[in-house]
Amino acid sequence: MPDLYFSLYPWIKALHIMAVIAWMAGLFYLPRLFVYHAERSAVGSELDQTFQVMEEKLLRLIMNPAMIVAWLAGLVLLSMGVFDWGAAWSWIKIVSVLAMTAAHGWMAKRRKEFAAGQNTRSGRTYRLFNEVPTVLMVVIVTAVIVRPF
């Protein structure tokens, strides 16, 4: 059984990378939707309803499943012993992934506020927040690929 388990490594790694790409696409796009939602639609308007549908579908049909698959595949990779627990890059990646998950949760909360007609944040707030996943992605990729620490 262990041989089969380890022969699946490249497949699990590929699944992990694909899930991360889908998750990141959502993390980049959802704050942009929030920018336009906050700046261009009035609560209860047809445009408000359109943004709500787009935001909910992006979160529930793409981002949530992609995040779950990324986490599960990542945990399986961890169980295969391919992670260097003694290296700083490993811990930087873990902390950054936790921050990415927190950012996802923050966005999910903002979507609920828009759905309830209770958004109090400006488009500028969402523009600034849009940089958070980008910075985290740069940190994660650098930590994993370059392993400077």
C-alpha atoms as a PDB file:
ATOM      1  CA  MET A   1       0.000   0.000   0.000  1.00  0.00           C
ATOM      2  CA  PRO A   2       2.748   2.558   0.774  1.00  0.00           C
ATOM      3  CA  ASP A   3       4.118   2.165  -2.769  1.00  0.00           C
ATOM      4  CA  LEU A   4       0.698   3.020  -4.236  1.00  0.00           C
ATOM      5  CA  TYR A   5       0.371   5.898  -1.800  1.00  0.00           C
ATOM      6  CA  PHE A   6       3.701   7.426  -2.837  1.00  0.00           C
ATOM      7  CA  SER A   7       3.131   6.713  -6.526  1.00  0.00           C
ATOM      8  CA  LEU A   8       0.129   9.055  -6.247  1.00  0.00           C
ATOM      9  CA  TYR A   9       2.397  11.910  -5.137  1.00  0.00           C
ATOM     10  CA  PRO A  10       2.637  13.659  -8.560  1.00  0.00           C
ATOM     11  CA  TRP A  11      -1.140  13.369  -9.013  1.00  0.00           C
ATOM     12  CA  ILE A  12      -1.875  14.798  -5.595  1.00  0.00           C
ATOM     13  CA  LYS A  13       0.642  17.582  -6.163  1.00  0.00           C
ATOM     14  CA  ALA A  14      -0.979  18.372  -9.542  1.00  0.00           C
ATOM     15  CA  LEU A  15      -4.431  18.418  -7.910  1.00  0.00           C
ATOM     16  CA  HIS A  16      -3.089  20.717  -5.188  1.00  0.00           C
ATOM     17  CA  ILE A  17      -1.634  23.146  -7.731  1.00  0.00           C
ATOM     18  CA  MET A  18      -4.834  23.179  -9.825  1.00  0.00           C
ATOM     19  CA  ALA A  19      -6.957  23.828  -6.732  1.00  0.00           C
ATOM     20  CA  VAL A  20      -4.644  26.625  -5.602  1.00  0.00           C
ATOM     21  CA  ILE A  21      -4.863  28.254  -9.050  1.00  0.00           C
ATOM     22  CA  ALA A  22      -8.682  28.166  -8.952  1.00  0.00           C
ATOM     23  CA  TRP A  23      -8.720  29.444  -5.371  1.00  0.00           C
ATOM     24  CA  MET A  24      -6.325  32.278  -6.198  1.00  0.00           C
ATOM     25  CA  ALA A  25      -8.387  33.293  -9.221  1.00  0.00           C
ATOM     26  CA  GLY A  26     -11.351  33.771  -6.905  1.00  0.00           C
ATOM     27  CA  LEU A  27      -9.286  35.565  -4.268  1.00  0.00           C
ATOM     28  CA  PHE A  28      -8.113  37.999  -6.943  1.00  0.00           C
ATOM     29  CA  TYR A  29     -11.538  38.504  -8.550  1.00  0.00           C
ATOM     30  CA  LEU A  30     -13.952  38.720  -5.607  1.00  0.00           C
ATOM     31  CA  PRO A  31     -12.485  41.948  -4.160  1.00  0.00           C
ATOM     32  CA  ARG A  32     -12.711  43.508  -7.644  1.00  0.00           C
ATOM     33  CA  LEU A  33     -16.391  42.617  -7.726  1.00  0.00           C
ATOM     34  CA  PHE A  34     -16.731  44.239  -4.305  1.00  0.00           C
ATOM     35  CA  VAL A  35     -15.078  47.428  -5.609  1.00  0.00           C
ATOM     36  CA  TYR A  36     -17.639  47.780  -8.393  1.00  0.00           C
ATOM     37  CA  HIS A  37     -20.488  46.651  -6.144  1.00  0.00           C
ATOM     38  CA  ALA A  38     -19.613  49.289  -3.530  1.00  0.00           C
ATOM     39  CA  GLU A  39     -19.082  52.068  -6.055  1.00  0.00           C
ATOM     40  CA  ARG A  40     -21.718  51.490  -8.708  1.00  0.00           C
ATOM     41  CA  SER A  41     -24.835  49.983  -7.246  1.00  0.00           C
ATOM     42  CA  ALA A  42     -27.521  51.103  -4.857  1.00  0.00           C
ATOM     43  CA  VAL A  43     -28.895  48.660  -2.296  1.00  0.00           C
ATOM     44  CA  GLY A  44     -31.818  46.748  -3.785  1.00  0.00           C
ATOM     45  CA  SER A  45     -31.140  47.836  -7.370  1.00  0.00           C
ATOM     46  CA  GLU A  46     -31.002  45.406 -10.262  1.00  0.00           C
ATOM     47  CA  LEU A  47     -27.221  45.898 -10.430  1.00  0.00           C
ATOM     48  CA  ASP A  48     -26.960  45.160  -6.696  1.00  0.00           C
ATOM     49  CA  GLN A  49     -28.820  41.886  -7.253  1.00  0.00           C
ATOM     50  CA  THR A  50     -26.576  41.001 -10.205  1.00  0.00           C
ATOM     51  CA  PHE A  51     -23.431  41.584  -8.149  1.00  0.00           C
ATOM     52  CA  GLN A  52     -24.846  39.496  -5.321  1.00  0.00           C
ATOM     53  CA  VAL A  53     -25.459  36.547  -7.650  1.00  0.00           C
ATOM     54  CA  MET A  54     -21.960  36.847  -9.145  1.00  0.00           C
ATOM     55  CA  GLU A  55     -20.293  37.106  -5.726  1.00  0.00           C
ATOM     56  CA  GLU A  56     -22.226  34.216  -4.226  1.00  0.00           C
ATOM     57  CA  LYS A  57     -21.591  31.889  -7.160  1.00  0.00           C
ATOM     58  CA  LEU A  58     -17.898  32.758  -7.268  1.00  0.00           C
ATOM     59  CA  LEU A  59     -17.548  32.086  -3.545  1.00  0.00           C
ATOM     60  CA  ARG A  60     -19.740  29.006  -3.236  1.00  0.00           C
ATOM     61  CA  LEU A  61     -19.105  27.243  -6.550  1.00  0.00           C
ATOM     62  CA  ILE A  62     -15.443  28.060  -7.183  1.00  0.00           C
ATOM     63  CA  MET A  63     -13.607  29.508  -4.204  1.00  0.00           C
ATOM     64  CA  ASN A  64     -14.942  27.318  -1.382  1.00  0.00           C
ATOM     65  CA  PRO A  65     -14.503  23.993  -3.219  1.00  0.00           C
ATOM     66  CA  ALA A  66     -11.075  25.044  -4.526  1.00  0.00           C
ATOM     67  CA  MET A  67      -9.943  26.056  -1.038  1.00  0.00           C
ATOM     68  CA  ILE A  68     -11.143  22.755   0.427  1.00  0.00           C
ATOM     69  CA  VAL A  69      -9.407  20.695  -2.275  1.00  0.00           C
ATOM     70  CA  ALA A  70      -6.213  22.773  -1.919  1.00  0.00           C
ATOM     71  CA  TRP A  71      -6.213  22.206   1.832  1.00  0.00           C
ATOM     72  CA  LEU A  72      -7.005  18.474   1.586  1.00  0.00           C
ATOM     73  CA  ALA A  73      -4.404  17.823  -1.095  1.00  0.00           C
ATOM     74  CA  GLY A  74      -1.893  19.916   0.853  1.00  0.00           C
ATOM     75  CA  LEU A  75      -2.545  17.920   4.010  1.00  0.00           C
ATOM     76  CA  VAL A  76      -2.085  14.664   2.081  1.00  0.00           C
ATOM     77  CA  LEU A  77       1.229  16.005   0.757  1.00  0.00           C
ATOM     78  CA  LEU A  78       2.221  16.873   4.329  1.00  0.00           C
ATOM     79  CA  SER A  79       1.410  13.317   5.406  1.00  0.00           C
ATOM     80  CA  MET A  80       3.782  12.031   2.704  1.00  0.00           C
ATOM     81  CA  GLY A  81       6.692  13.664   4.485  1.00  0.00           C
ATOM     82  CA  VAL A  82       7.678  16.024   1.685  1.00  0.00           C
ATOM     83  CA  PHE A  83       7.717  19.002   4.015  1.00  0.00           C
ATOM     84  CA  ASP A  84      10.854  20.154   5.803  1.00  0.00           C
ATOM     85  CA  TRP A  85       9.575  21.052   9.274  1.00  0.00           C
ATOM     86  CA  GLY A  86      12.986  22.369  10.271  1.00  0.00           C
ATOM     87  CA  ALA A  87      13.218  24.950   7.487  1.00  0.00           C
ATOM     88  CA  ALA A  88      11.949  28.508   7.858  1.00  0.00           C
ATOM     89  CA  TRP A  89      10.365  28.434   4.371  1.00  0.00           C
ATOM     90  CA  SER A  90       7.996  25.684   5.539  1.00  0.00           C
ATOM     91  CA  TRP A  91       6.699  27.783   8.404  1.00  0.00           C
ATOM     92  CA  ILE A  92       6.469  30.881   6.230  1.00  0.00           C
ATOM     93  CA  LYS A  93       4.301  28.905   3.806  1.00  0.00           C
ATOM     94  CA  ILE A  94       2.057  27.552   6.573  1.00  0.00           C
ATOM     95  CA  VAL A  95       1.534  30.997   8.127  1.00  0.00           C
ATOM     96  CA  SER A  96       0.866  32.504   4.682  1.00  0.00           C
ATOM     97  CA  VAL A  97      -1.667  29.798   3.814  1.00  0.00           C
ATOM     98  CA  LEU A  98      -3.427  30.425   7.121  1.00  0.00           C
ATOM     99  CA  ALA A  99      -3.468  34.154   6.281  1.00  0.00           C
ATOM    100  CA  MET A 100      -4.866  33.323   2.828  1.00  0.00           C
ATOM    101  CA  THR A 101      -7.607  31.287   4.483  1.00  0.00           C
ATOM    102  CA  ALA A 102      -8.351  34.199   6.832  1.00  0.00           C
ATOM    103  CA  ALA A 103      -8.569  36.523   3.808  1.00  0.00           C
ATOM    104  CA  HIS A 104     -11.043  34.090   2.249  1.00  0.00           C
ATOM    105  CA  GLY A 105     -13.123  34.200   5.434  1.00  0.00           C
ATOM    106  CA  TRP A 106     -12.987  38.002   5.501  1.00  0.00           C
ATOM    107  CA  MET A 107     -14.317  38.099   1.929  1.00  0.00           C
ATOM    108  CA  ALA A 108     -17.081  35.625   2.751  1.00  0.00           C
ATOM    109  CA  LYS A 109     -18.160  37.905   5.591  1.00  0.00           C
ATOM    110  CA  ARG A 110     -18.163  40.948   3.292  1.00  0.00           C
ATOM    111  CA  ARG A 111     -20.305  39.063   0.771  1.00  0.00           C
ATOM    112  CA  LYS A 112     -22.882  38.438   3.485  1.00  0.00           C
ATOM    113  CA  GLU A 113     -22.869  42.151   4.342  1.00  0.00           C
ATOM    114  CA  PHE A 114     -23.537  43.044   0.705  1.00  0.00           C
ATOM    115  CA  ALA A 115     -26.339  40.446   0.590  1.00  0.00           C
ATOM    116  CA  ALA A 116     -27.926  42.003   3.682  1.00  0.00           C
ATOM    117  CA  GLY A 117     -27.559  45.519   2.251  1.00  0.00           C
ATOM    118  CA  GLN A 118     -25.171  46.398   5.077  1.00  0.00           C
ATOM    119  CA  ASN A 119     -21.872  47.112   3.350  1.00  0.00           C
ATOM    120  CA  THR A 120     -20.153  50.086   4.978  1.00  0.00           C
ATOM    121  CA  ARG A 121     -16.793  49.824   3.229  1.00  0.00           C
ATOM    122  CA  SER A 122     -15.693  51.915   0.277  1.00  0.00           C
ATOM    123  CA  GLY A 123     -14.394  50.721  -3.051  1.00  0.00           C
ATOM    124  CA  ARG A 124     -10.973  51.948  -1.911  1.00  0.00           C
ATOM    125  CA  THR A 125     -11.002  49.487   1.003  1.00  0.00           C
ATOM    126  CA  TYR A 126     -11.638  46.621  -1.391  1.00  0.00           C
ATOM    127  CA  ARG A 127      -8.990  47.915  -3.814  1.00  0.00           C
ATOM    128  CA  LEU A 128      -6.437  47.871  -0.994  1.00  0.00           C
ATOM    129  CA  PHE A 129      -7.571  44.465   0.223  1.00  0.00           C
ATOM    130  CA  ASN A 130      -7.194  43.149  -3.323  1.00  0.00           C
ATOM    131  CA  GLU A 131      -3.422  43.348  -2.787  1.00  0.00           C
ATOM    132  CA  VAL A 132      -3.450  40.983   0.202  1.00  0.00           C
ATOM    133  CA  PRO A 133      -3.843  37.728  -1.799  1.00  0.00           C
ATOM    134  CA  THR A 134      -1.225  38.971  -4.266  1.00  0.00           C
ATOM    135  CA  VAL A 135       1.350  39.609  -1.546  1.00  0.00           C
ATOM    136  CA  LEU A 136       0.589  36.266   0.101  1.00  0.00           C
ATOM    137  CA  MET A 137       0.903  34.466  -3.236  1.00  0.00           C
ATOM    138  CA  VAL A 138       4.330  36.054  -3.834  1.00  0.00           C
ATOM    139  CA  VAL A 139       5.478  35.023  -0.353  1.00  0.00           C
ATOM    140  CA  ILE A 140       4.200  31.444  -0.747  1.00  0.00           C
ATOM    141  CA  VAL A 141       5.646  30.866  -4.213  1.00  0.00           C
ATOM    142  CA  THR A 142       8.987  32.376  -3.214  1.00  0.00           C
ATOM    143  CA  ALA A 143       9.132  30.316  -0.026  1.00  0.00           C
ATOM    144  CA  VAL A 144       8.343  27.051  -1.833  1.00  0.00           C
ATOM    145  CA  ILE A 145      10.295  27.499  -5.061  1.00  0.00           C
ATOM    146  CA  VAL A 146      13.309  29.614  -4.032  1.00  0.00           C
ATOM    147  CA  ARG A 147      13.464  28.417  -0.416  1.00  0.00           C
ATOM    148  CA  PRO A 148      15.674  31.322   0.617  1.00  0.00           C
ATOM    149  CA  PHE A 149      15.349  30.529   4.328  1.00  0.00           C
END
